[in-house]
């Protein structure tokens, strides 16, 4: 799945929010906190609502960043069987930053359609929040 966003903030601001996990957690609509477990490795705490019932869970994430190319890659394994890779590529515009995001889901379960809908909504809100900070 490919998503694109245009944010009225400079490229370094966006890159900082994608690579500083405390800032990332503060802007993400469902992540409640992120703990560093090793260099580039984190444990993400997330709570989603199933109807009106909050459903908290955690999962490991590995993050690789390239400050020269302004790219960030997140690799996560959720519930031990769904692998998610997100690549964010940033480029400067006139007064804004373009974010191109590629998301790859791998799961033995037929959840890709559901995940795509969830990620579109969450990441739209994520970048809206980053733009406001």
N, C-alpha and C. Protein backbone atom coordinates (compact mmCIF):
# COMPACT_ATOMS: atom_id res chain seq x y z
N UNK A 1 0.85 -1.17 0.00
CA UNK A 1 0.00 0.00 0.00
C UNK A 1 0.90 1.23 0.00
N UNK A 2 0.51 2.23 -0.77
CA UNK A 2 1.26 3.48 -0.83
C UNK A 2 0.36 4.63 -0.41
N UNK A 3 0.92 5.49 0.44
CA UNK A 3 0.22 6.69 0.91
C UNK A 3 1.14 7.89 0.69
N UNK A 4 0.55 9.04 0.51
CA UNK A 4 1.32 10.28 0.39
C UNK A 4 0.66 11.37 1.21
N UNK A 5 1.50 12.19 1.81
CA UNK A 5 1.02 13.29 2.64
C UNK A 5 1.85 14.53 2.34
N UNK A 6 1.23 15.69 2.40
CA UNK A 6 1.92 16.97 2.27
C UNK A 6 1.70 17.72 3.57
N UNK A 7 2.80 18.04 4.24
CA UNK A 7 2.75 18.67 5.56
C UNK A 7 3.40 20.05 5.48
N UNK A 8 2.77 21.02 6.08
CA UNK A 8 3.32 22.39 6.08
C UNK A 8 4.31 22.56 7.24
N UNK A 9 5.32 21.74 7.22
CA UNK A 9 6.44 21.83 8.18
C UNK A 9 7.69 21.47 7.41
N UNK A 10 8.84 21.92 7.91
CA UNK A 10 10.08 21.62 7.19
C UNK A 10 10.47 20.15 7.37
N UNK A 11 11.31 19.69 6.49
CA UNK A 11 11.67 18.27 6.41
C UNK A 11 12.35 17.79 7.69
N UNK A 12 13.16 18.63 8.32
CA UNK A 12 13.85 18.21 9.55
C UNK A 12 12.87 18.00 10.70
N UNK A 13 11.83 18.82 10.76
CA UNK A 13 10.80 18.65 11.79
C UNK A 13 10.11 17.30 11.64
N UNK A 14 9.72 16.96 10.42
CA UNK A 14 9.05 15.68 10.16
C UNK A 14 9.99 14.52 10.44
N UNK A 15 11.22 14.62 9.97
CA UNK A 15 12.20 13.56 10.20
C UNK A 15 12.43 13.34 11.69
N UNK A 16 12.49 14.42 12.45
CA UNK A 16 12.67 14.33 13.90
C UNK A 16 11.51 13.58 14.55
N UNK A 17 10.28 13.86 14.14
CA UNK A 17 9.11 13.18 14.71
C UNK A 17 9.05 11.70 14.31
N UNK A 18 9.61 11.36 13.17
CA UNK A 18 9.61 9.95 12.75
C UNK A 18 10.75 9.15 13.38
N UNK A 19 11.76 9.82 13.90
CA UNK A 19 12.93 9.12 14.43
C UNK A 19 13.10 9.25 15.94
N UNK A 20 12.46 10.22 16.56
CA UNK A 20 12.48 10.35 18.02
C UNK A 20 11.20 9.66 18.52
N UNK A 21 11.35 8.51 19.12
CA UNK A 21 10.19 7.69 19.45
C UNK A 21 9.27 8.31 20.49
N UNK A 22 9.80 9.17 21.33
CA UNK A 22 8.92 9.85 22.29
C UNK A 22 8.05 10.89 21.57
N UNK A 23 8.63 11.60 20.63
CA UNK A 23 7.85 12.54 19.83
C UNK A 23 6.85 11.80 18.95
N UNK A 24 7.30 10.69 18.36
CA UNK A 24 6.41 9.88 17.51
C UNK A 24 5.19 9.42 18.31
N UNK A 25 5.43 8.90 19.52
CA UNK A 25 4.33 8.43 20.38
C UNK A 25 3.40 9.58 20.74
N UNK A 26 3.95 10.78 20.96
CA UNK A 26 3.11 11.92 21.35
C UNK A 26 2.19 12.37 20.21
N UNK A 27 2.55 12.05 18.98
CA UNK A 27 1.74 12.47 17.82
C UNK A 27 0.84 11.36 17.29
N UNK A 28 1.15 10.11 17.62
CA UNK A 28 0.40 8.98 17.07
C UNK A 28 -0.96 8.84 17.77
N UNK A 29 -2.02 8.62 17.01
CA UNK A 29 -3.36 8.59 17.63
C UNK A 29 -3.66 7.38 18.52
N UNK A 30 -2.95 6.27 18.40
CA UNK A 30 -3.28 5.10 19.24
C UNK A 30 -2.09 4.54 20.03
N UNK A 31 -0.89 5.04 19.79
CA UNK A 31 0.26 4.59 20.57
C UNK A 31 0.27 5.36 21.88
N UNK A 32 0.31 4.61 22.99
CA UNK A 32 0.29 5.25 24.31
C UNK A 32 1.69 5.51 24.85
N UNK A 33 2.66 4.66 24.48
CA UNK A 33 4.06 4.90 24.85
C UNK A 33 4.96 3.94 24.08
N UNK A 34 6.25 4.29 24.06
CA UNK A 34 7.25 3.48 23.38
C UNK A 34 8.45 3.37 24.30
N UNK A 35 8.91 2.14 24.52
CA UNK A 35 10.07 1.88 25.36
C UNK A 35 11.24 1.43 24.49
N UNK A 36 12.41 1.99 24.72
CA UNK A 36 13.61 1.56 24.01
C UNK A 36 14.11 0.28 24.65
N UNK A 37 14.37 -0.75 23.83
CA UNK A 37 14.88 -2.02 24.35
C UNK A 37 16.34 -2.24 23.97
N UNK A 38 16.78 -1.65 22.88
CA UNK A 38 18.17 -1.71 22.43
C UNK A 38 18.32 -0.63 21.36
N UNK A 39 19.51 -0.47 20.83
CA UNK A 39 19.74 0.54 19.80
C UNK A 39 18.89 0.23 18.57
N UNK A 40 17.94 1.09 18.26
CA UNK A 40 17.07 0.89 17.11
C UNK A 40 15.91 -0.06 17.34
N UNK A 41 15.79 -0.61 18.56
CA UNK A 41 14.71 -1.55 18.88
C UNK A 41 13.84 -0.99 20.00
N UNK A 42 12.53 -1.18 19.83
CA UNK A 42 11.58 -0.60 20.76
C UNK A 42 10.43 -1.56 21.02
N UNK A 43 9.73 -1.32 22.13
CA UNK A 43 8.50 -2.01 22.43
C UNK A 43 7.40 -0.96 22.41
N UNK A 44 6.45 -1.14 21.51
CA UNK A 44 5.37 -0.17 21.32
C UNK A 44 4.14 -0.62 22.10
N UNK A 45 3.56 0.30 22.84
CA UNK A 45 2.31 0.07 23.58
C UNK A 45 1.21 0.81 22.83
N UNK A 46 0.21 0.08 22.42
CA UNK A 46 -0.86 0.65 21.61
C UNK A 46 -2.20 0.24 22.20
N UNK A 47 -3.17 1.10 22.08
CA UNK A 47 -4.53 0.78 22.52
C UNK A 47 -5.49 1.18 21.41
N UNK A 48 -6.22 0.20 20.89
CA UNK A 48 -7.25 0.48 19.91
C UNK A 48 -8.60 0.18 20.55
N UNK A 49 -9.65 0.75 19.98
CA UNK A 49 -10.98 0.49 20.51
C UNK A 49 -11.70 -0.50 19.61
N UNK A 50 -12.22 -1.52 20.23
CA UNK A 50 -13.07 -2.48 19.54
C UNK A 50 -14.49 -2.16 19.98
N UNK A 51 -15.16 -1.36 19.16
CA UNK A 51 -16.45 -0.81 19.60
C UNK A 51 -16.15 0.25 20.64
N UNK A 52 -16.66 0.04 21.85
CA UNK A 52 -16.39 0.97 22.95
C UNK A 52 -15.37 0.42 23.94
N UNK A 53 -14.85 -0.77 23.66
CA UNK A 53 -13.94 -1.43 24.59
C UNK A 53 -12.49 -1.20 24.18
N UNK A 54 -11.66 -0.59 25.05
CA UNK A 54 -10.25 -0.41 24.73
C UNK A 54 -9.52 -1.76 24.75
N UNK A 55 -8.64 -1.95 23.76
CA UNK A 55 -7.88 -3.19 23.64
C UNK A 55 -6.39 -2.85 23.57
N UNK A 56 -5.68 -2.96 24.72
CA UNK A 56 -4.25 -2.64 24.73
C UNK A 56 -3.41 -3.85 24.31
N UNK A 57 -2.29 -3.58 23.62
CA UNK A 57 -1.36 -4.64 23.25
C UNK A 57 0.01 -4.01 23.00
N UNK A 58 1.03 -4.85 22.94
CA UNK A 58 2.40 -4.39 22.68
C UNK A 58 2.99 -5.21 21.55
N UNK A 59 4.01 -4.66 20.93
CA UNK A 59 4.72 -5.36 19.87
C UNK A 59 6.10 -4.74 19.68
N UNK A 60 7.06 -5.55 19.22
CA UNK A 60 8.42 -5.04 18.99
C UNK A 60 8.53 -4.33 17.64
N UNK A 61 9.36 -3.30 17.62
CA UNK A 61 9.61 -2.53 16.40
C UNK A 61 11.10 -2.28 16.27
N UNK A 62 11.60 -2.39 15.05
CA UNK A 62 12.97 -2.02 14.72
C UNK A 62 12.89 -0.82 13.79
N UNK A 63 13.74 0.18 14.06
CA UNK A 63 13.71 1.39 13.25
C UNK A 63 15.10 1.66 12.69
N UNK A 64 15.14 1.91 11.39
CA UNK A 64 16.39 2.29 10.72
C UNK A 64 16.14 3.63 10.05
N UNK A 65 17.10 4.53 10.21
CA UNK A 65 16.95 5.85 9.63
C UNK A 65 18.18 6.22 8.82
N UNK A 66 17.95 7.02 7.79
CA UNK A 66 19.03 7.54 6.97
C UNK A 66 18.83 9.05 6.90
N UNK A 67 19.63 9.78 7.66
CA UNK A 67 19.48 11.23 7.74
C UNK A 67 19.83 11.91 6.42
N UNK A 68 20.74 11.34 5.65
CA UNK A 68 21.12 11.94 4.37
C UNK A 68 19.99 11.85 3.36
N UNK A 69 19.39 10.67 3.23
CA UNK A 69 18.28 10.46 2.28
C UNK A 69 16.93 10.85 2.85
N UNK A 70 16.88 11.12 4.15
CA UNK A 70 15.62 11.42 4.85
C UNK A 70 14.61 10.29 4.65
N UNK A 71 15.06 9.07 4.97
CA UNK A 71 14.18 7.91 4.94
C UNK A 71 14.19 7.24 6.31
N UNK A 72 13.06 6.63 6.64
CA UNK A 72 12.91 5.91 7.90
C UNK A 72 12.15 4.63 7.60
N UNK A 73 12.67 3.51 8.14
CA UNK A 73 12.00 2.22 7.95
C UNK A 73 11.65 1.63 9.31
N UNK A 74 10.37 1.32 9.49
CA UNK A 74 9.87 0.66 10.69
C UNK A 74 9.55 -0.79 10.31
N UNK A 75 10.01 -1.74 11.13
CA UNK A 75 9.64 -3.15 10.95
C UNK A 75 9.04 -3.63 12.26
N UNK A 76 7.81 -4.16 12.17
CA UNK A 76 7.11 -4.61 13.37
C UNK A 76 6.51 -5.98 13.14
N UNK A 77 6.38 -6.71 14.24
CA UNK A 77 5.66 -7.98 14.22
C UNK A 77 4.58 -7.88 15.29
N UNK A 78 3.32 -7.89 14.83
CA UNK A 78 2.19 -7.71 15.72
C UNK A 78 1.50 -9.06 15.93
N UNK A 79 1.26 -9.39 17.18
CA UNK A 79 0.65 -10.67 17.58
C UNK A 79 1.42 -11.87 17.05
N UNK A 80 2.72 -11.72 16.90
CA UNK A 80 3.66 -12.78 16.52
C UNK A 80 3.46 -13.37 15.13
N UNK A 81 2.49 -12.90 14.37
CA UNK A 81 2.30 -13.50 13.05
C UNK A 81 2.05 -12.49 11.94
N UNK A 82 1.79 -11.25 12.26
CA UNK A 82 1.58 -10.24 11.22
C UNK A 82 2.80 -9.33 11.18
N UNK A 83 3.50 -9.37 10.06
CA UNK A 83 4.69 -8.55 9.88
C UNK A 83 4.31 -7.31 9.08
N UNK A 84 4.79 -6.18 9.56
CA UNK A 84 4.48 -4.90 8.92
C UNK A 84 5.80 -4.16 8.70
N UNK A 85 5.99 -3.70 7.48
CA UNK A 85 7.14 -2.85 7.18
C UNK A 85 6.63 -1.54 6.59
N UNK A 86 7.08 -0.44 7.18
CA UNK A 86 6.69 0.89 6.71
C UNK A 86 7.94 1.66 6.33
N UNK A 87 7.96 2.19 5.12
CA UNK A 87 9.09 3.02 4.69
C UNK A 87 8.56 4.42 4.40
N UNK A 88 9.13 5.39 5.10
CA UNK A 88 8.79 6.80 4.92
C UNK A 88 9.93 7.47 4.17
N UNK A 89 9.62 8.11 3.06
CA UNK A 89 10.60 8.87 2.27
C UNK A 89 10.14 10.32 2.25
N UNK A 90 11.01 11.21 2.70
CA UNK A 90 10.66 12.63 2.80
C UNK A 90 11.38 13.43 1.73
N UNK A 91 10.70 14.46 1.22
CA UNK A 91 11.35 15.39 0.31
C UNK A 91 10.75 16.78 0.51
N UNK A 92 11.60 17.78 0.39
CA UNK A 92 11.18 19.16 0.63
C UNK A 92 10.43 19.71 -0.56
N UNK A 93 9.41 20.51 -0.23
CA UNK A 93 8.68 21.27 -1.23
C UNK A 93 9.01 22.74 -1.04
N UNK A 94 8.18 23.62 -1.57
CA UNK A 94 8.41 25.06 -1.41
C UNK A 94 8.33 25.47 0.05
N UNK A 95 7.16 25.25 0.67
CA UNK A 95 6.97 25.60 2.08
C UNK A 95 6.47 24.41 2.87
N UNK A 96 6.71 23.22 2.34
CA UNK A 96 6.17 22.03 2.98
C UNK A 96 7.08 20.83 2.73
N UNK A 97 6.64 19.69 3.24
CA UNK A 97 7.37 18.43 3.06
C UNK A 97 6.40 17.40 2.51
N UNK A 98 6.86 16.66 1.52
CA UNK A 98 6.09 15.54 0.98
C UNK A 98 6.58 14.27 1.66
N UNK A 99 5.64 13.46 2.12
CA UNK A 99 5.96 12.17 2.74
C UNK A 99 5.34 11.09 1.86
N UNK A 100 6.19 10.24 1.32
CA UNK A 100 5.72 9.06 0.59
C UNK A 100 5.93 7.87 1.50
N UNK A 101 4.86 7.12 1.70
CA UNK A 101 4.92 5.99 2.63
C UNK A 101 4.53 4.71 1.89
N UNK A 102 5.36 3.70 2.05
CA UNK A 102 5.06 2.38 1.50
C UNK A 102 4.90 1.43 2.68
N UNK A 103 3.77 0.72 2.71
CA UNK A 103 3.49 -0.20 3.80
C UNK A 103 3.28 -1.59 3.21
N UNK A 104 4.00 -2.55 3.78
CA UNK A 104 3.87 -3.94 3.34
C UNK A 104 3.39 -4.77 4.52
N UNK A 105 2.28 -5.47 4.33
CA UNK A 105 1.72 -6.35 5.35
C UNK A 105 1.94 -7.80 4.91
N UNK A 106 2.39 -8.63 5.84
CA UNK A 106 2.50 -10.06 5.59
C UNK A 106 1.85 -10.78 6.76
N UNK A 107 0.80 -11.54 6.45
CA UNK A 107 0.06 -12.25 7.50
C UNK A 107 -0.60 -13.48 6.90
N UNK A 108 -0.62 -14.58 7.67
CA UNK A 108 -1.33 -15.77 7.19
C UNK A 108 -2.85 -15.60 7.27
N UNK A 109 -3.29 -14.56 7.99
CA UNK A 109 -4.72 -14.30 8.14
C UNK A 109 -5.18 -13.28 7.10
N UNK A 110 -6.45 -13.31 6.73
CA UNK A 110 -6.97 -12.35 5.75
C UNK A 110 -7.30 -11.00 6.40
N UNK A 111 -6.26 -10.30 6.89
CA UNK A 111 -6.47 -9.05 7.61
C UNK A 111 -5.95 -7.82 6.87
N UNK A 112 -5.37 -8.02 5.70
CA UNK A 112 -4.72 -6.92 5.00
C UNK A 112 -5.71 -5.79 4.69
N UNK A 113 -6.89 -6.11 4.21
CA UNK A 113 -7.88 -5.09 3.88
C UNK A 113 -8.23 -4.25 5.11
N UNK A 114 -8.41 -4.91 6.23
CA UNK A 114 -8.74 -4.22 7.49
C UNK A 114 -7.57 -3.33 7.92
N UNK A 115 -6.35 -3.89 7.86
CA UNK A 115 -5.17 -3.13 8.26
C UNK A 115 -4.97 -1.90 7.38
N UNK A 116 -5.20 -2.05 6.09
CA UNK A 116 -5.04 -0.91 5.19
C UNK A 116 -5.98 0.24 5.58
N UNK A 117 -7.22 -0.06 5.87
CA UNK A 117 -8.18 0.97 6.30
C UNK A 117 -7.73 1.64 7.59
N UNK A 118 -7.29 0.81 8.55
CA UNK A 118 -6.85 1.34 9.84
C UNK A 118 -5.63 2.25 9.67
N UNK A 119 -4.64 1.79 8.91
CA UNK A 119 -3.41 2.56 8.74
C UNK A 119 -3.66 3.87 7.99
N UNK A 120 -4.51 3.86 6.98
CA UNK A 120 -4.83 5.10 6.26
C UNK A 120 -5.38 6.14 7.23
N UNK A 121 -6.31 5.73 8.06
CA UNK A 121 -6.93 6.65 9.00
C UNK A 121 -5.92 7.12 10.05
N UNK A 122 -5.18 6.18 10.65
CA UNK A 122 -4.23 6.53 11.71
C UNK A 122 -3.11 7.42 11.20
N UNK A 123 -2.56 7.12 10.03
CA UNK A 123 -1.43 7.89 9.54
C UNK A 123 -1.85 9.26 9.02
N UNK A 124 -3.06 9.37 8.53
CA UNK A 124 -3.59 10.68 8.19
C UNK A 124 -3.61 11.55 9.46
N UNK A 125 -4.12 10.99 10.56
CA UNK A 125 -4.17 11.72 11.83
C UNK A 125 -2.77 11.97 12.38
N UNK A 126 -1.87 10.98 12.26
CA UNK A 126 -0.49 11.13 12.73
C UNK A 126 0.16 12.36 12.10
N UNK A 127 0.09 12.47 10.78
CA UNK A 127 0.76 13.58 10.12
C UNK A 127 0.04 14.91 10.34
N UNK A 128 -1.25 14.86 10.53
CA UNK A 128 -2.00 16.06 10.90
C UNK A 128 -1.51 16.54 12.27
N UNK A 129 -1.32 15.60 13.21
CA UNK A 129 -0.83 15.95 14.55
C UNK A 129 0.60 16.51 14.49
N UNK A 130 1.46 15.88 13.69
CA UNK A 130 2.85 16.36 13.56
C UNK A 130 2.86 17.77 12.98
N UNK A 131 1.99 18.02 12.04
CA UNK A 131 1.94 19.35 11.43
C UNK A 131 1.56 20.41 12.47
N UNK A 132 0.74 20.05 13.45
CA UNK A 132 0.27 21.00 14.45
C UNK A 132 1.27 21.21 15.60
N UNK A 133 2.26 20.35 15.73
CA UNK A 133 3.21 20.44 16.85
C UNK A 133 4.36 21.37 16.53
